[in-house]
C-alpha cells in the first residue's frame, strides 16, 4: 500500500517552522558574533603570547575542538548552573556553548591566515619603526582576513548544522519545532522533509556565496582554509 503524502499539517504550522528557523539563525548569528573575536584573541595568545598565555590558549583550543559539541552543550546547560548556583535557560546555554566551540575553530583559521602572510612584511614594517601591534593591526590582519573569508563562511555553515543539537535541551529551533509538530500530527515524513528543505535553502545560499568568493579570491591565491 502506497504512502499518501499530506502537507496540510505543514501549511497549518508553517509559522512555527519559520519561528524555529529564526531561532536557529539567532543562535548561529550570536555564536559567530562572540566566537570570531574570541577566536582572534585565542589565536594571538597562541601565536605571540608568552608561555603563560600560549599553553592555556593551546589547551582551550584543542579541548574545544576535540570534545563533542553535545557534551559541551549538556555541561553548560546542566552542570554550570549547579556550579554557579544560577539558572541558565536553553537559549543562553546554546549561545555560550557554540560561541566557545566555534571560537576554537576560528582561532585556527586566524592562526593560519596570519601565518600565511609573508615574513618580509613584518620585517619591512619593523624597518620603518612600526611596533608589532601596529603592524598586526594595519598590515597583517587586513590581508589575512581577506584570505580567511571563505573559511569563515564555511565554518558558519558547519556551525548552523551543528546547532541542531540545541533541540536536545528543548530550545525551540527548527528541528525542535519540527519534532513537536511531527509528534502531535503523526505526519513525520512531511514535517521533516519540509524542515530539511528549509535547512537546504539557507545552507545552499551560503554555499553558493562561499563558492563565488573562493572563485574570486582563488585567482589571486588569497584563500586560507581552517
N, C-alpha and C. Protein backbone atom coordinates (compact mmCIF):
# COMPACT_ATOMS: atom_id res chain seq x y z
N UNK A 1 0.86 -1.19 0.00
CA UNK A 1 0.00 0.00 0.00
C UNK A 1 0.89 1.24 0.00
N UNK A 2 0.66 2.17 -0.92
CA UNK A 2 1.49 3.35 -1.04
C UNK A 2 1.19 4.37 0.06
N UNK A 3 2.20 5.15 0.36
CA UNK A 3 2.06 6.19 1.38
C UNK A 3 1.38 7.41 0.76
N UNK A 4 0.40 7.97 1.46
CA UNK A 4 -0.31 9.15 0.98
C UNK A 4 0.25 10.40 1.67
N UNK A 5 0.93 11.18 0.88
CA UNK A 5 1.52 12.40 1.43
C UNK A 5 0.44 13.44 1.70
N UNK A 6 0.58 14.13 2.84
CA UNK A 6 -0.38 15.17 3.20
C UNK A 6 0.37 16.30 3.90
N UNK A 7 0.58 17.39 3.17
CA UNK A 7 1.35 18.51 3.71
C UNK A 7 0.46 19.57 4.36
N UNK A 8 -0.81 19.25 4.58
CA UNK A 8 -1.70 20.24 5.18
C UNK A 8 -1.23 20.63 6.58
N UNK A 9 -0.67 19.65 7.32
CA UNK A 9 -0.17 19.96 8.66
C UNK A 9 1.01 20.90 8.60
N UNK A 10 1.80 20.79 7.54
CA UNK A 10 2.94 21.70 7.37
C UNK A 10 2.45 23.12 7.12
N UNK A 11 1.47 23.26 6.20
CA UNK A 11 0.94 24.59 5.90
C UNK A 11 0.26 25.20 7.12
N UNK A 12 -0.38 24.35 7.92
CA UNK A 12 -1.06 24.84 9.10
C UNK A 12 -0.13 25.26 10.22
N UNK A 13 1.09 24.76 10.19
CA UNK A 13 2.07 25.08 11.24
C UNK A 13 3.34 25.72 10.69
N UNK A 14 3.24 26.27 9.49
CA UNK A 14 4.44 26.81 8.86
C UNK A 14 5.02 27.99 9.64
N UNK A 15 4.13 28.72 10.34
CA UNK A 15 4.62 29.84 11.14
C UNK A 15 5.54 29.36 12.26
N UNK A 16 5.24 28.19 12.83
CA UNK A 16 6.10 27.63 13.88
C UNK A 16 7.44 27.18 13.30
N UNK A 17 7.41 26.63 12.11
CA UNK A 17 8.67 26.22 11.47
C UNK A 17 9.52 27.45 11.14
N UNK A 18 8.89 28.52 10.68
CA UNK A 18 9.63 29.75 10.40
C UNK A 18 10.22 30.34 11.69
N UNK A 19 9.44 30.28 12.76
CA UNK A 19 9.95 30.74 14.05
C UNK A 19 11.16 29.92 14.47
N UNK A 20 11.07 28.61 14.25
CA UNK A 20 12.20 27.75 14.57
C UNK A 20 13.43 28.09 13.76
N UNK A 21 13.23 28.40 12.47
CA UNK A 21 14.35 28.79 11.62
C UNK A 21 14.97 30.09 12.10
N UNK A 22 14.13 31.04 12.49
CA UNK A 22 14.64 32.31 13.03
C UNK A 22 15.46 32.06 14.29
N UNK A 23 14.97 31.18 15.17
CA UNK A 23 15.71 30.86 16.39
C UNK A 23 17.04 30.18 16.09
N UNK A 24 17.04 29.33 15.06
CA UNK A 24 18.30 28.70 14.63
C UNK A 24 19.29 29.76 14.17
N UNK A 25 18.81 30.70 13.37
CA UNK A 25 19.69 31.76 12.86
C UNK A 25 20.15 32.68 13.99
N UNK A 26 19.32 32.87 15.01
CA UNK A 26 19.72 33.70 16.15
C UNK A 26 20.89 33.09 16.89
N UNK A 27 20.80 31.79 17.17
CA UNK A 27 21.90 31.11 17.87
C UNK A 27 23.16 31.14 17.01
N UNK A 28 22.99 30.84 15.72
CA UNK A 28 24.14 30.84 14.81
C UNK A 28 24.77 32.22 14.73
N UNK A 29 23.95 33.25 14.57
CA UNK A 29 24.47 34.61 14.45
C UNK A 29 25.19 35.08 15.70
N UNK A 30 24.62 34.81 16.87
CA UNK A 30 25.26 35.24 18.12
C UNK A 30 26.53 34.43 18.39
N UNK A 31 26.52 33.16 18.03
CA UNK A 31 27.73 32.35 18.20
C UNK A 31 28.86 32.89 17.32
N UNK A 32 28.53 33.35 16.13
CA UNK A 32 29.53 33.97 15.26
C UNK A 32 29.98 35.31 15.83
N UNK A 33 29.02 36.08 16.32
CA UNK A 33 29.32 37.41 16.86
C UNK A 33 30.31 37.34 18.01
N UNK A 34 30.13 36.36 18.90
CA UNK A 34 31.04 36.22 20.04
C UNK A 34 32.24 35.33 19.72
N UNK A 35 32.01 34.33 18.87
CA UNK A 35 33.07 33.36 18.61
C UNK A 35 34.21 33.89 17.78
N UNK A 36 33.93 34.77 16.82
CA UNK A 36 35.00 35.27 15.96
C UNK A 36 36.00 36.13 16.73
N UNK A 37 35.57 37.16 17.49
CA UNK A 37 36.57 37.93 18.25
C UNK A 37 37.29 37.10 19.31
N UNK A 38 36.56 36.18 19.95
CA UNK A 38 37.22 35.32 20.93
C UNK A 38 38.25 34.42 20.25
N UNK A 39 37.93 33.96 19.06
CA UNK A 39 38.90 33.16 18.30
C UNK A 39 40.14 33.96 17.96
N UNK A 40 39.97 35.23 17.63
CA UNK A 40 41.13 36.08 17.35
C UNK A 40 42.00 36.23 18.59
N UNK A 41 41.37 36.43 19.74
CA UNK A 41 42.14 36.55 20.99
C UNK A 41 42.93 35.28 21.26
N UNK A 42 42.28 34.13 21.10
CA UNK A 42 42.97 32.85 21.34
C UNK A 42 44.12 32.65 20.35
N UNK A 43 43.89 33.04 19.10
CA UNK A 43 44.94 32.90 18.08
C UNK A 43 46.15 33.77 18.42
N UNK A 44 45.90 35.01 18.83
CA UNK A 44 47.01 35.92 19.17
C UNK A 44 47.74 35.44 20.42
N UNK A 45 46.99 34.91 21.37
CA UNK A 45 47.64 34.36 22.57
C UNK A 45 48.55 33.20 22.20
N UNK A 46 48.08 32.35 21.29
CA UNK A 46 48.86 31.18 20.90
C UNK A 46 50.05 31.56 20.04
N UNK A 47 49.92 32.59 19.24
CA UNK A 47 51.00 32.98 18.33
C UNK A 47 52.04 33.85 19.00
N UNK A 48 51.60 34.83 19.81
CA UNK A 48 52.53 35.86 20.27
C UNK A 48 52.60 36.00 21.79
N UNK A 49 51.81 35.23 22.51
CA UNK A 49 51.86 35.32 23.95
C UNK A 49 53.05 34.60 24.54
N UNK A 50 53.35 34.89 25.80
CA UNK A 50 54.39 34.14 26.49
C UNK A 50 53.84 32.77 26.88
N UNK A 51 54.66 31.98 27.57
CA UNK A 51 54.24 30.62 27.91
C UNK A 51 52.97 30.61 28.76
N UNK A 52 52.82 31.62 29.61
CA UNK A 52 51.65 31.68 30.49
C UNK A 52 50.37 31.90 29.70
N UNK A 53 50.50 32.41 28.47
CA UNK A 53 49.33 32.62 27.62
C UNK A 53 49.22 31.56 26.54
N UNK A 54 50.36 31.16 25.97
CA UNK A 54 50.33 30.19 24.87
C UNK A 54 49.77 28.85 25.29
N UNK A 55 50.23 28.33 26.40
CA UNK A 55 49.80 26.99 26.81
C UNK A 55 48.31 26.92 27.14
N UNK A 56 47.77 27.87 27.95
CA UNK A 56 46.32 27.83 28.19
C UNK A 56 45.51 27.99 26.91
N UNK A 57 45.95 28.90 26.03
CA UNK A 57 45.23 29.10 24.77
C UNK A 57 45.25 27.83 23.93
N UNK A 58 46.41 27.19 23.85
CA UNK A 58 46.52 25.95 23.09
C UNK A 58 45.64 24.86 23.67
N UNK A 59 45.61 24.76 25.00
CA UNK A 59 44.79 23.74 25.65
C UNK A 59 43.31 24.00 25.39
N UNK A 60 42.87 25.25 25.53
CA UNK A 60 41.46 25.59 25.31
C UNK A 60 41.05 25.25 23.88
N UNK A 61 41.89 25.64 22.93
CA UNK A 61 41.57 25.38 21.52
C UNK A 61 41.45 23.89 21.25
N UNK A 62 42.44 23.12 21.70
CA UNK A 62 42.42 21.69 21.43
C UNK A 62 41.30 20.99 22.17
N UNK A 63 41.01 21.43 23.40
CA UNK A 63 39.93 20.81 24.17
C UNK A 63 38.59 21.05 23.50
N UNK A 64 38.33 22.28 23.10
CA UNK A 64 37.05 22.60 22.48
C UNK A 64 36.89 21.96 21.11
N UNK A 65 38.00 21.81 20.39
CA UNK A 65 37.93 21.17 19.07
C UNK A 65 37.80 19.66 19.17
N UNK A 66 38.25 19.09 20.27
CA UNK A 66 38.34 17.63 20.38
C UNK A 66 37.16 16.99 21.11
N UNK A 67 36.41 17.77 21.86
CA UNK A 67 35.28 17.20 22.61
C UNK A 67 33.98 17.39 21.84
N UNK A 68 33.05 16.45 21.95
CA UNK A 68 31.79 16.54 21.19
C UNK A 68 30.98 17.77 21.59
N UNK A 69 30.43 18.48 20.63
CA UNK A 69 29.62 19.66 20.96
C UNK A 69 28.44 19.35 21.87
N UNK A 70 27.84 18.17 21.71
CA UNK A 70 26.68 17.85 22.54
C UNK A 70 27.09 17.67 24.00
N UNK A 71 28.31 17.17 24.25
CA UNK A 71 28.80 17.04 25.62
C UNK A 71 29.02 18.42 26.23
N UNK A 72 29.56 19.34 25.43
CA UNK A 72 29.74 20.71 25.90
C UNK A 72 28.40 21.36 26.20
N UNK A 73 27.43 21.15 25.30
CA UNK A 73 26.10 21.73 25.49
C UNK A 73 25.45 21.23 26.76
N UNK A 74 25.51 19.93 27.00
CA UNK A 74 24.92 19.36 28.21
C UNK A 74 25.63 19.89 29.46
N UNK A 75 26.95 20.06 29.37
CA UNK A 75 27.70 20.53 30.54
C UNK A 75 27.28 21.95 30.90
N UNK A 76 27.21 22.82 29.90
CA UNK A 76 26.84 24.21 30.19
C UNK A 76 25.39 24.33 30.63
N UNK A 77 24.53 23.46 30.14
CA UNK A 77 23.12 23.57 30.50
C UNK A 77 22.79 22.91 31.83
N UNK A 78 23.43 21.77 32.11
CA UNK A 78 23.10 21.03 33.32
C UNK A 78 24.11 21.24 34.46
N UNK A 79 25.40 21.26 34.13
CA UNK A 79 26.43 21.31 35.19
C UNK A 79 26.76 22.73 35.63
N UNK A 80 26.88 23.65 34.67
CA UNK A 80 27.27 25.02 35.04
C UNK A 80 26.30 25.67 36.02
N UNK A 81 24.98 25.51 35.87
CA UNK A 81 24.07 26.09 36.87
C UNK A 81 24.30 25.55 38.27
N UNK A 82 24.69 24.28 38.38
CA UNK A 82 24.97 23.70 39.70
C UNK A 82 26.22 24.35 40.30
N UNK A 83 27.24 24.56 39.47
CA UNK A 83 28.48 25.17 39.96
C UNK A 83 28.30 26.63 40.32
N UNK A 84 27.52 27.36 39.53
CA UNK A 84 27.35 28.80 39.76
C UNK A 84 26.16 29.13 40.66
N UNK A 85 25.26 28.18 40.80
CA UNK A 85 24.07 28.44 41.61
C UNK A 85 23.06 29.34 40.94
N UNK A 86 23.08 29.38 39.61
CA UNK A 86 22.12 30.21 38.87
C UNK A 86 21.48 29.36 37.77
N UNK A 87 20.32 29.81 37.35
CA UNK A 87 19.64 29.10 36.26
C UNK A 87 20.12 29.61 34.91
N UNK A 88 20.30 28.69 33.96
CA UNK A 88 20.69 29.05 32.61
C UNK A 88 19.63 28.50 31.66
N UNK A 89 19.00 29.38 30.93
CA UNK A 89 17.94 28.93 30.02
C UNK A 89 18.56 28.30 28.78
N UNK A 90 17.77 27.54 28.01
CA UNK A 90 18.31 26.85 26.83
C UNK A 90 18.96 27.78 25.82
N UNK A 91 18.40 28.96 25.61
CA UNK A 91 18.97 29.90 24.65
C UNK A 91 20.36 30.35 25.09
N UNK A 92 20.50 30.74 26.34
CA UNK A 92 21.80 31.20 26.84
C UNK A 92 22.84 30.09 26.80
N UNK A 93 22.43 28.89 27.20
CA UNK A 93 23.34 27.75 27.17
C UNK A 93 23.78 27.45 25.75
N UNK A 94 22.86 27.57 24.80
CA UNK A 94 23.18 27.30 23.40
C UNK A 94 24.18 28.32 22.85
N UNK A 95 23.92 29.59 23.10
CA UNK A 95 24.82 30.65 22.62
C UNK A 95 26.19 30.51 23.26
N UNK A 96 26.23 30.27 24.57
CA UNK A 96 27.51 30.12 25.26
C UNK A 96 28.29 28.94 24.70
N UNK A 97 27.64 27.82 24.54
CA UNK A 97 28.31 26.62 24.05
C UNK A 97 28.91 26.83 22.67
N UNK A 98 28.09 27.30 21.75
CA UNK A 98 28.56 27.39 20.37
C UNK A 98 29.45 28.61 20.11
N UNK A 99 29.38 29.61 20.98
CA UNK A 99 30.35 30.70 20.89
C UNK A 99 31.73 30.19 21.25
N UNK A 100 31.83 29.44 22.34
CA UNK A 100 33.12 28.90 22.76
C UNK A 100 33.62 27.84 21.79
N UNK A 101 32.71 26.95 21.39
CA UNK A 101 33.13 25.87 20.50
C UNK A 101 33.61 26.40 19.15
N UNK A 102 32.89 27.37 18.61
CA UNK A 102 33.30 27.93 17.32
C UNK A 102 34.54 28.78 17.45
N UNK A 103 34.77 29.39 18.61
CA UNK A 103 35.97 30.22 18.79
C UNK A 103 37.24 29.41 18.60
N UNK A 104 37.20 28.14 19.00
CA UNK A 104 38.39 27.30 18.84
C UNK A 104 38.71 27.07 17.38
N UNK A 105 37.68 26.87 16.57
CA UNK A 105 37.91 26.67 15.13
C UNK A 105 38.30 27.98 14.46
N UNK A 106 37.68 29.08 14.87
CA UNK A 106 38.06 30.36 14.30
C UNK A 106 39.48 30.74 14.68
N UNK A 107 39.91 30.33 15.87
CA UNK A 107 41.29 30.61 16.28
C UNK A 107 42.29 29.99 15.33
N UNK A 108 41.99 28.77 14.89
CA UNK A 108 42.89 28.10 13.94
C UNK A 108 42.81 28.74 12.55
N UNK A 109 41.64 29.25 12.19
CA UNK A 109 41.52 29.97 10.91
C UNK A 109 42.35 31.24 10.97
N UNK A 110 42.23 31.98 12.07
CA UNK A 110 43.03 33.20 12.24
C UNK A 110 44.52 32.88 12.22
N UNK A 111 44.89 31.83 12.94
CA UNK A 111 46.31 31.49 13.01
C UNK A 111 46.86 31.15 11.63
N UNK A 112 46.10 30.37 10.87
CA UNK A 112 46.54 30.02 9.52
C UNK A 112 46.61 31.24 8.62
N UNK A 113 45.63 32.14 8.75
CA UNK A 113 45.64 33.33 7.92
C UNK A 113 46.80 34.25 8.23
N UNK A 114 47.06 34.47 9.51
CA UNK A 114 48.17 35.34 9.91
C UNK A 114 49.51 34.76 9.47
N UNK A 115 49.67 33.45 9.66
CA UNK A 115 50.94 32.82 9.29
C UNK A 115 51.14 32.74 7.79
N UNK A 116 50.05 32.92 7.01
CA UNK A 116 50.19 32.86 5.56
C UNK A 116 50.79 34.14 4.98
N UNK A 117 50.82 35.21 5.77
CA UNK A 117 51.39 36.48 5.31
C UNK A 117 52.91 36.39 5.34
N UNK A 118 53.54 36.80 4.27
CA UNK A 118 54.99 36.70 4.14
C UNK A 118 55.72 37.44 5.25
N UNK A 119 56.75 36.80 5.80
CA UNK A 119 57.52 37.41 6.89
C UNK A 119 58.19 38.71 6.48
N UNK A 120 58.40 38.87 5.19
CA UNK A 120 59.03 40.10 4.72
C UNK A 120 58.23 41.34 5.06
N UNK A 121 56.91 41.18 5.19
CA UNK A 121 56.09 42.34 5.53
C UNK A 121 56.29 42.74 6.99
N UNK A 122 56.49 41.77 7.85
CA UNK A 122 56.83 42.07 9.24
C UNK A 122 58.17 42.82 9.30
N UNK A 123 59.14 42.31 8.56
CA UNK A 123 60.47 42.90 8.58
C UNK A 123 60.47 44.31 8.00
N UNK A 124 59.68 44.52 6.94
CA UNK A 124 59.61 45.85 6.34
C UNK A 124 58.97 46.85 7.30
N UNK A 125 57.93 46.41 7.99
CA UNK A 125 57.27 47.29 8.94
C UNK A 125 58.19 47.62 10.11
N UNK A 126 58.93 46.63 10.55
CA UNK A 126 59.88 46.86 11.64
C UNK A 126 60.97 47.83 11.22
N UNK A 127 61.39 47.74 9.96
CA UNK A 127 62.45 48.61 9.45
C UNK A 127 62.05 50.08 9.44
N UNK A 128 60.76 50.36 9.30
CA UNK A 128 60.33 51.75 9.30
C UNK A 128 59.81 52.19 10.67
N UNK A 129 60.06 51.37 11.68
CA UNK A 129 59.78 51.76 13.05
C UNK A 129 58.40 51.41 13.58
N UNK A 130 57.65 50.57 12.88
CA UNK A 130 56.32 50.20 13.37
C UNK A 130 56.44 49.14 14.46
N UNK A 131 55.59 49.23 15.46
CA UNK A 131 55.57 48.23 16.51
C UNK A 131 54.87 46.97 16.01
N UNK A 132 54.99 45.88 16.79
CA UNK A 132 54.33 44.64 16.38
C UNK A 132 52.82 44.80 16.34
N UNK A 133 52.27 45.47 17.36
CA UNK A 133 50.82 45.65 17.40
C UNK A 133 50.33 46.47 16.22
N UNK A 134 51.05 47.55 15.91
CA UNK A 134 50.65 48.40 14.78
C UNK A 134 50.76 47.63 13.47
N UNK A 135 51.81 46.84 13.32
CA UNK A 135 51.98 46.04 12.11
C UNK A 135 50.85 45.03 11.96
N UNK A 136 50.50 44.41 13.07
CA UNK A 136 49.44 43.41 13.04
C UNK A 136 48.10 44.05 12.66
N UNK A 137 47.79 45.19 13.27
CA UNK A 137 46.51 45.83 13.05
C UNK A 137 46.40 46.46 11.66
N UNK A 138 47.46 47.09 11.18
CA UNK A 138 47.37 47.89 9.96
C UNK A 138 47.79 47.15 8.70
N UNK A 139 48.63 46.15 8.85
CA UNK A 139 49.18 45.49 7.66
C UNK A 139 48.79 44.02 7.58
N UNK A 140 49.04 43.27 8.65
CA UNK A 140 48.88 41.82 8.60
C UNK A 140 47.42 41.39 8.62
N UNK A 141 46.66 41.86 9.63
CA UNK A 141 45.27 41.41 9.78
C UNK A 141 44.38 41.76 8.58
N UNK A 142 44.46 42.98 8.04
CA UNK A 142 43.61 43.28 6.87
C UNK A 142 43.83 42.31 5.71
N UNK A 143 45.08 41.94 5.45
CA UNK A 143 45.35 40.98 4.38
C UNK A 143 44.89 39.58 4.76
N UNK A 144 45.16 39.21 6.01
CA UNK A 144 44.82 37.86 6.47
C UNK A 144 43.31 37.64 6.46
N UNK A 145 42.55 38.63 6.91
CA UNK A 145 41.09 38.49 6.98
C UNK A 145 40.51 38.28 5.58
N UNK A 146 41.04 38.99 4.59
CA UNK A 146 40.57 38.81 3.23
C UNK A 146 40.77 37.37 2.77
N UNK A 147 41.89 36.78 3.12
CA UNK A 147 42.16 35.40 2.74
C UNK A 147 41.28 34.41 3.51
N UNK A 148 40.84 34.81 4.69
CA UNK A 148 40.11 33.89 5.56
C UNK A 148 38.60 33.90 5.34
N UNK A 149 38.08 34.83 4.54
CA UNK A 149 36.63 34.97 4.39
C UNK A 149 35.95 33.66 3.98
N UNK A 150 36.44 32.95 2.94
CA UNK A 150 35.77 31.68 2.60
C UNK A 150 35.79 30.67 3.75
N UNK A 151 36.90 30.61 4.48
CA UNK A 151 36.99 29.67 5.60
C UNK A 151 36.01 30.05 6.70
N UNK A 152 35.84 31.36 6.93
CA UNK A 152 34.87 31.81 7.92
C UNK A 152 33.45 31.39 7.52
N UNK A 153 33.12 31.58 6.26
CA UNK A 153 31.77 31.24 5.80
C UNK A 153 31.52 29.74 5.85
N UNK A 154 32.53 28.96 5.50
CA UNK A 154 32.38 27.51 5.59
C UNK A 154 32.17 27.07 7.03
N UNK A 155 32.90 27.69 7.95
CA UNK A 155 32.73 27.37 9.36
C UNK A 155 31.35 27.78 9.85
N UNK A 156 30.83 28.91 9.34
CA UNK A 156 29.49 29.35 9.71
C UNK A 156 28.43 28.35 9.26
N UNK A 157 28.62 27.79 8.07
CA UNK A 157 27.69 26.76 7.58
C UNK A 157 27.73 25.53 8.48
N UNK A 158 28.93 25.09 8.83
CA UNK A 158 29.05 23.94 9.73
C UNK A 158 28.43 24.23 11.09
N UNK A 159 28.60 25.47 11.54
CA UNK A 159 28.04 25.86 12.83
C UNK A 159 26.52 25.78 12.81
N UNK A 160 25.92 26.26 11.73
CA UNK A 160 24.46 26.21 11.64
C UNK A 160 23.95 24.78 11.70
N UNK A 161 24.63 23.87 11.01
CA UNK A 161 24.21 22.47 11.05
C UNK A 161 24.41 21.87 12.44
N UNK A 162 25.47 22.28 13.12
CA UNK A 162 25.74 21.74 14.45
C UNK A 162 24.73 22.23 15.47
N UNK A 163 24.16 23.42 15.26
CA UNK A 163 23.21 23.96 16.24
C UNK A 163 21.93 23.16 16.32
N UNK A 164 21.72 22.20 15.43
CA UNK A 164 20.53 21.33 15.56
C UNK A 164 20.55 20.57 16.89
N UNK A 165 21.73 20.50 17.52
CA UNK A 165 21.83 19.82 18.81
C UNK A 165 21.06 20.53 19.92
N UNK A 166 20.77 21.83 19.72
CA UNK A 166 20.10 22.57 20.79
C UNK A 166 18.69 22.05 21.05
N UNK A 167 18.14 21.31 20.11
CA UNK A 167 16.80 20.74 20.33
C UNK A 167 16.82 19.74 21.48
N UNK A 168 18.00 19.18 21.80
CA UNK A 168 18.09 18.20 22.88
C UNK A 168 17.90 18.82 24.26
N UNK A 169 18.06 20.15 24.36
CA UNK A 169 17.81 20.82 25.64
C UNK A 169 16.55 21.67 25.55
N UNK A 170 15.69 21.32 24.58
CA UNK A 170 14.36 21.94 24.44
C UNK A 170 14.41 23.41 24.03
N UNK A 171 15.45 23.80 23.31
CA UNK A 171 15.42 25.13 22.71
C UNK A 171 14.65 25.03 21.40
N UNK A 172 13.75 25.97 21.17
CA UNK A 172 12.80 25.85 20.06
C UNK A 172 13.42 26.29 18.73
N UNK A 173 14.43 25.57 18.29
CA UNK A 173 14.99 25.81 16.97
C UNK A 173 14.14 25.10 15.92
N UNK A 174 14.58 25.10 14.68
CA UNK A 174 13.79 24.50 13.60
C UNK A 174 13.58 23.01 13.84
N UNK A 175 14.61 22.29 14.25
CA UNK A 175 14.47 20.85 14.46
C UNK A 175 13.53 20.55 15.62
N UNK A 176 13.61 21.34 16.68
CA UNK A 176 12.72 21.13 17.82
C UNK A 176 11.26 21.35 17.42
N UNK A 177 11.01 22.42 16.67
CA UNK A 177 9.65 22.70 16.22
C UNK A 177 9.14 21.59 15.31
N UNK A 178 10.02 21.12 14.41
CA UNK A 178 9.62 20.04 13.51
C UNK A 178 9.28 18.78 14.30
N UNK A 179 10.07 18.47 15.31
CA UNK A 179 9.82 17.29 16.12
C UNK A 179 8.50 17.40 16.88
N UNK A 180 8.24 18.60 17.41
CA UNK A 180 7.00 18.82 18.15
C UNK A 180 5.77 18.65 17.25
N UNK A 181 5.83 19.24 16.07
CA UNK A 181 4.71 19.14 15.12
C UNK A 181 4.52 17.70 14.65
N UNK A 182 5.64 17.02 14.37
CA UNK A 182 5.56 15.64 13.89
C UNK A 182 4.94 14.72 14.94
N UNK A 183 5.29 14.92 16.21
CA UNK A 183 4.76 14.06 17.26
C UNK A 183 3.27 14.28 17.48
N UNK A 184 2.82 15.52 17.30
CA UNK A 184 1.40 15.81 17.55
C UNK A 184 0.52 15.49 16.35
N UNK A 185 1.11 15.48 15.15
CA UNK A 185 0.31 15.27 13.93
C UNK A 185 0.49 13.88 13.31
N UNK A 186 1.56 13.19 13.72
CA UNK A 186 1.90 11.88 13.14
C UNK A 186 2.20 11.96 11.64
N UNK A 187 2.60 13.14 11.17
CA UNK A 187 2.99 13.30 9.77
C UNK A 187 4.50 13.58 9.75
N UNK A 188 5.25 12.56 10.20
CA UNK A 188 6.69 12.73 10.36
C UNK A 188 7.40 13.03 9.05
N UNK A 189 7.07 12.28 8.01
CA UNK A 189 7.76 12.45 6.73
C UNK A 189 7.58 13.85 6.16
N UNK A 190 6.34 14.33 6.20
CA UNK A 190 6.05 15.65 5.63
C UNK A 190 6.77 16.76 6.41
N UNK A 191 6.71 16.66 7.72
CA UNK A 191 7.28 17.72 8.55
C UNK A 191 8.80 17.75 8.43
N UNK A 192 9.44 16.59 8.54
CA UNK A 192 10.90 16.57 8.46
C UNK A 192 11.41 16.85 7.05
N UNK A 193 10.63 16.48 6.05
CA UNK A 193 11.00 16.82 4.68
C UNK A 193 11.02 18.33 4.50
N UNK A 194 10.00 19.00 5.06
CA UNK A 194 9.93 20.46 4.96
C UNK A 194 11.07 21.11 5.73
N UNK A 195 11.35 20.60 6.94
CA UNK A 195 12.45 21.16 7.74
C UNK A 195 13.78 20.99 7.01
N UNK A 196 13.99 19.81 6.42
CA UNK A 196 15.22 19.57 5.68
C UNK A 196 15.34 20.52 4.49
N UNK A 197 14.20 20.78 3.82
CA UNK A 197 14.20 21.70 2.68
C UNK A 197 14.55 23.12 3.12
N UNK A 198 14.07 23.51 4.29
CA UNK A 198 14.37 24.86 4.80
C UNK A 198 15.85 24.99 5.14
N UNK A 199 16.40 23.97 5.78
CA UNK A 199 17.85 23.98 6.02
C UNK A 199 18.61 24.04 4.70
N UNK A 200 18.15 23.25 3.75
CA UNK A 200 18.83 23.16 2.46
C UNK A 200 18.88 24.52 1.75
N UNK A 201 17.76 25.23 1.75
CA UNK A 201 17.70 26.52 1.06
C UNK A 201 18.69 27.51 1.68
N UNK A 202 18.69 27.60 3.01
CA UNK A 202 19.58 28.55 3.68
C UNK A 202 21.04 28.18 3.48
N UNK A 203 21.35 26.89 3.67
CA UNK A 203 22.75 26.46 3.57
C UNK A 203 23.23 26.50 2.12
N UNK A 204 22.34 26.20 1.18
CA UNK A 204 22.72 26.30 -0.23
C UNK A 204 23.08 27.73 -0.60
N UNK A 205 22.29 28.69 -0.12
CA UNK A 205 22.58 30.09 -0.40
C UNK A 205 23.96 30.47 0.15
N UNK A 206 24.25 30.01 1.37
CA UNK A 206 25.57 30.29 1.95
C UNK A 206 26.68 29.59 1.17
N UNK A 207 26.42 28.37 0.74
CA UNK A 207 27.43 27.62 -0.01
C UNK A 207 27.74 28.28 -1.35
N UNK A 208 26.71 28.79 -2.01
CA UNK A 208 26.93 29.49 -3.28
C UNK A 208 27.76 30.75 -3.07
N UNK A 209 27.49 31.43 -1.95
CA UNK A 209 28.29 32.62 -1.63
C UNK A 209 29.74 32.25 -1.40
N UNK A 210 29.96 31.17 -0.66
CA UNK A 210 31.33 30.69 -0.42
C UNK A 210 32.01 30.35 -1.74
N UNK A 211 31.28 29.65 -2.62
CA UNK A 211 31.86 29.26 -3.90
C UNK A 211 32.26 30.46 -4.73
N UNK A 212 31.44 31.49 -4.74
CA UNK A 212 31.76 32.68 -5.52
C UNK A 212 32.99 33.40 -4.96
N UNK A 213 33.05 33.47 -3.62
CA UNK A 213 34.21 34.12 -3.01
C UNK A 213 35.49 33.34 -3.26
N UNK A 214 35.39 32.01 -3.15
CA UNK A 214 36.57 31.19 -3.40
C UNK A 214 37.04 31.33 -4.84
N UNK A 215 36.11 31.45 -5.75
CA UNK A 215 36.48 31.60 -7.16
C UNK A 215 37.19 32.93 -7.39
N UNK A 216 36.64 34.00 -6.78
CA UNK A 216 37.24 35.32 -6.98
C UNK A 216 38.59 35.45 -6.29
N UNK A 217 38.67 34.94 -5.04
CA UNK A 217 39.91 35.07 -4.30
C UNK A 217 40.94 34.04 -4.73
N UNK A 218 40.47 32.90 -5.23
CA UNK A 218 41.38 31.84 -5.62
C UNK A 218 42.27 32.24 -6.78
N UNK A 219 41.78 33.11 -7.63
CA UNK A 219 42.58 33.54 -8.78
C UNK A 219 43.80 34.34 -8.35
N UNK A 220 43.72 34.97 -7.18
CA UNK A 220 44.88 35.72 -6.69
C UNK A 220 45.62 34.99 -5.59
N UNK A 221 45.16 33.76 -5.28
CA UNK A 221 45.81 32.96 -4.24
C UNK A 221 45.50 33.42 -2.85
N UNK A 222 44.46 34.25 -2.68
CA UNK A 222 44.15 34.83 -1.38
C UNK A 222 43.08 34.01 -0.65
N UNK A 223 43.38 32.73 -0.42
CA UNK A 223 42.45 31.87 0.30
C UNK A 223 43.22 31.09 1.37
N UNK A 224 42.67 31.10 2.55
CA UNK A 224 43.23 30.30 3.64
C UNK A 224 42.14 29.46 4.22
N UNK A 225 42.32 28.16 4.36
CA UNK A 225 41.31 27.27 4.94
C UNK A 225 41.69 26.92 6.36
N UNK A 226 40.62 26.74 7.21
CA UNK A 226 40.84 26.34 8.59
C UNK A 226 40.93 24.86 8.73
